Amino acid sequence: MSEENKQITKKMTIAEIIKIKPQSASVLMSHGMHCLGCVIAQGETLEQAAEVHGIDSDELLKAINGTK
């Protein structure tokens, strides 16, 4: 499976997600996650980031995996 077709999971870090699916940055930013390049994004999972920002991680994950 190519990187761009890889399914994103809640256990992946924000940095991994952006590397695999760069277009997901706009989804994350639209949900209030504007610090995609910061140091914390390198080690914080999608699930952790969603919790900190008060966002439902399952809904965020659906939005990210729905992007082409």
C-alpha atoms as a PDB file:
ATOM      1  CA  MET A   1       0.000   0.000   0.000  1.00  0.00           C
ATOM      2  CA  SER A   2       1.458   3.365  -0.966  1.00  0.00           C
ATOM      3  CA  GLU A   3       1.938   6.006   1.701  1.00  0.00           C
ATOM      4  CA  GLU A   4      -0.811   8.257   0.319  1.00  0.00           C
ATOM      5  CA  ASN A   5      -3.348   5.396   0.500  1.00  0.00           C
ATOM      6  CA  LYS A   6      -2.321   4.349   4.009  1.00  0.00           C
ATOM      7  CA  GLN A   7      -5.130   4.509   6.554  1.00  0.00           C
ATOM      8  CA  ILE A   8      -4.490   7.067   9.270  1.00  0.00           C
ATOM      9  CA  THR A   9      -5.039   5.929  12.877  1.00  0.00           C
ATOM     10  CA  LYS A  10      -5.497   7.758  16.194  1.00  0.00           C
ATOM     11  CA  LYS A  11      -2.205   6.311  17.454  1.00  0.00           C
ATOM     12  CA  MET A  12      -0.134   8.049  14.743  1.00  0.00           C
ATOM     13  CA  THR A  13       1.631  11.278  15.600  1.00  0.00           C
ATOM     14  CA  ILE A  14       0.565  14.523  13.964  1.00  0.00           C
ATOM     15  CA  ALA A  15       3.950  14.601  12.205  1.00  0.00           C
ATOM     16  CA  GLU A  16       3.423  11.092  10.765  1.00  0.00           C
ATOM     17  CA  ILE A  17      -0.034  12.018   9.542  1.00  0.00           C
ATOM     18  CA  ILE A  18       1.204  15.158   7.784  1.00  0.00           C
ATOM     19  CA  LYS A  19       4.048  13.192   6.178  1.00  0.00           C
ATOM     20  CA  ILE A  20       1.752  10.425   4.915  1.00  0.00           C
ATOM     21  CA  LYS A  21      -1.189  12.608   3.952  1.00  0.00           C
ATOM     22  CA  PRO A  22      -0.112  16.275   3.635  1.00  0.00           C
ATOM     23  CA  GLN A  23      -3.622  17.368   2.643  1.00  0.00           C
ATOM     24  CA  SER A  24      -4.801  16.408   6.136  1.00  0.00           C
ATOM     25  CA  ALA A  25      -3.180  19.618   7.429  1.00  0.00           C
ATOM     26  CA  SER A  26      -6.163  21.632   6.238  1.00  0.00           C
ATOM     27  CA  VAL A  27      -8.536  19.287   8.085  1.00  0.00           C
ATOM     28  CA  LEU A  28      -6.528  19.591  11.293  1.00  0.00           C
ATOM     29  CA  MET A  29      -6.328  23.373  10.975  1.00  0.00           C
ATOM     30  CA  SER A  30     -10.066  23.637  10.356  1.00  0.00           C
ATOM     31  CA  HIS A  31     -10.551  21.880  13.693  1.00  0.00           C
ATOM     32  CA  GLY A  32      -8.387  24.413  15.545  1.00  0.00           C
ATOM     33  CA  MET A  33      -5.066  22.579  15.426  1.00  0.00           C
ATOM     34  CA  HIS A  34      -2.829  25.323  14.082  1.00  0.00           C
ATOM     35  CA  CYS A  35       0.547  24.263  15.479  1.00  0.00           C
ATOM     36  CA  LEU A  36       1.205  21.393  13.090  1.00  0.00           C
ATOM     37  CA  GLY A  37       4.936  21.998  12.843  1.00  0.00           C
ATOM     38  CA  CYS A  38       5.645  22.572  16.513  1.00  0.00           C
ATOM     39  CA  VAL A  39       7.823  20.275  18.610  1.00  0.00           C
ATOM     40  CA  ILE A  40       4.833  18.719  20.379  1.00  0.00           C
ATOM     41  CA  ALA A  41       3.333  17.623  17.040  1.00  0.00           C
ATOM     42  CA  GLN A  42       6.390  15.446  16.510  1.00  0.00           C
ATOM     43  CA  GLY A  43       5.458  13.161  19.411  1.00  0.00           C
ATOM     44  CA  GLU A  44       1.778  13.809  20.112  1.00  0.00           C
ATOM     45  CA  THR A  45      -0.704  11.314  18.705  1.00  0.00           C
ATOM     46  CA  LEU A  46      -3.869  12.380  16.952  1.00  0.00           C
ATOM     47  CA  GLU A  47      -5.840  11.042  19.900  1.00  0.00           C
ATOM     48  CA  GLN A  48      -3.812  13.075  22.395  1.00  0.00           C
ATOM     49  CA  ALA A  49      -4.026  16.259  20.309  1.00  0.00           C
ATOM     50  CA  ALA A  50      -7.780  15.868  19.902  1.00  0.00           C
ATOM     51  CA  GLU A  51      -8.209  15.445  23.647  1.00  0.00           C
ATOM     52  CA  VAL A  52      -6.144  18.560  24.411  1.00  0.00           C
ATOM     53  CA  HIS A  53      -8.194  20.580  21.911  1.00  0.00           C
ATOM     54  CA  GLY A  54     -11.554  19.191  23.105  1.00  0.00           C
ATOM     55  CA  ILE A  55     -12.268  17.499  19.780  1.00  0.00           C
ATOM     56  CA  ASP A  56     -13.861  14.086  19.239  1.00  0.00           C
ATOM     57  CA  SER A  57     -10.959  12.003  17.921  1.00  0.00           C
ATOM     58  CA  ASP A  58     -13.231   9.601  16.037  1.00  0.00           C
ATOM     59  CA  GLU A  59     -14.877  12.443  14.115  1.00  0.00           C
ATOM     60  CA  LEU A  60     -11.487  13.997  13.385  1.00  0.00           C
ATOM     61  CA  LEU A  61     -10.171  10.666  12.161  1.00  0.00           C
ATOM     62  CA  LYS A  62     -13.151  10.241   9.828  1.00  0.00           C
ATOM     63  CA  ALA A  63     -12.533  13.710   8.409  1.00  0.00           C
ATOM     64  CA  ILE A  64      -8.829  12.984   7.825  1.00  0.00           C
ATOM     65  CA  ASN A  65      -9.382   9.584   6.226  1.00  0.00           C
ATOM     66  CA  GLY A  66     -12.126  11.056   4.078  1.00  0.00           C
ATOM     67  CA  THR A  67      -9.651  13.423   2.410  1.00  0.00           C
ATOM     68  CA  LYS A  68      -8.067  12.270  -0.813  1.00  0.00           C
END
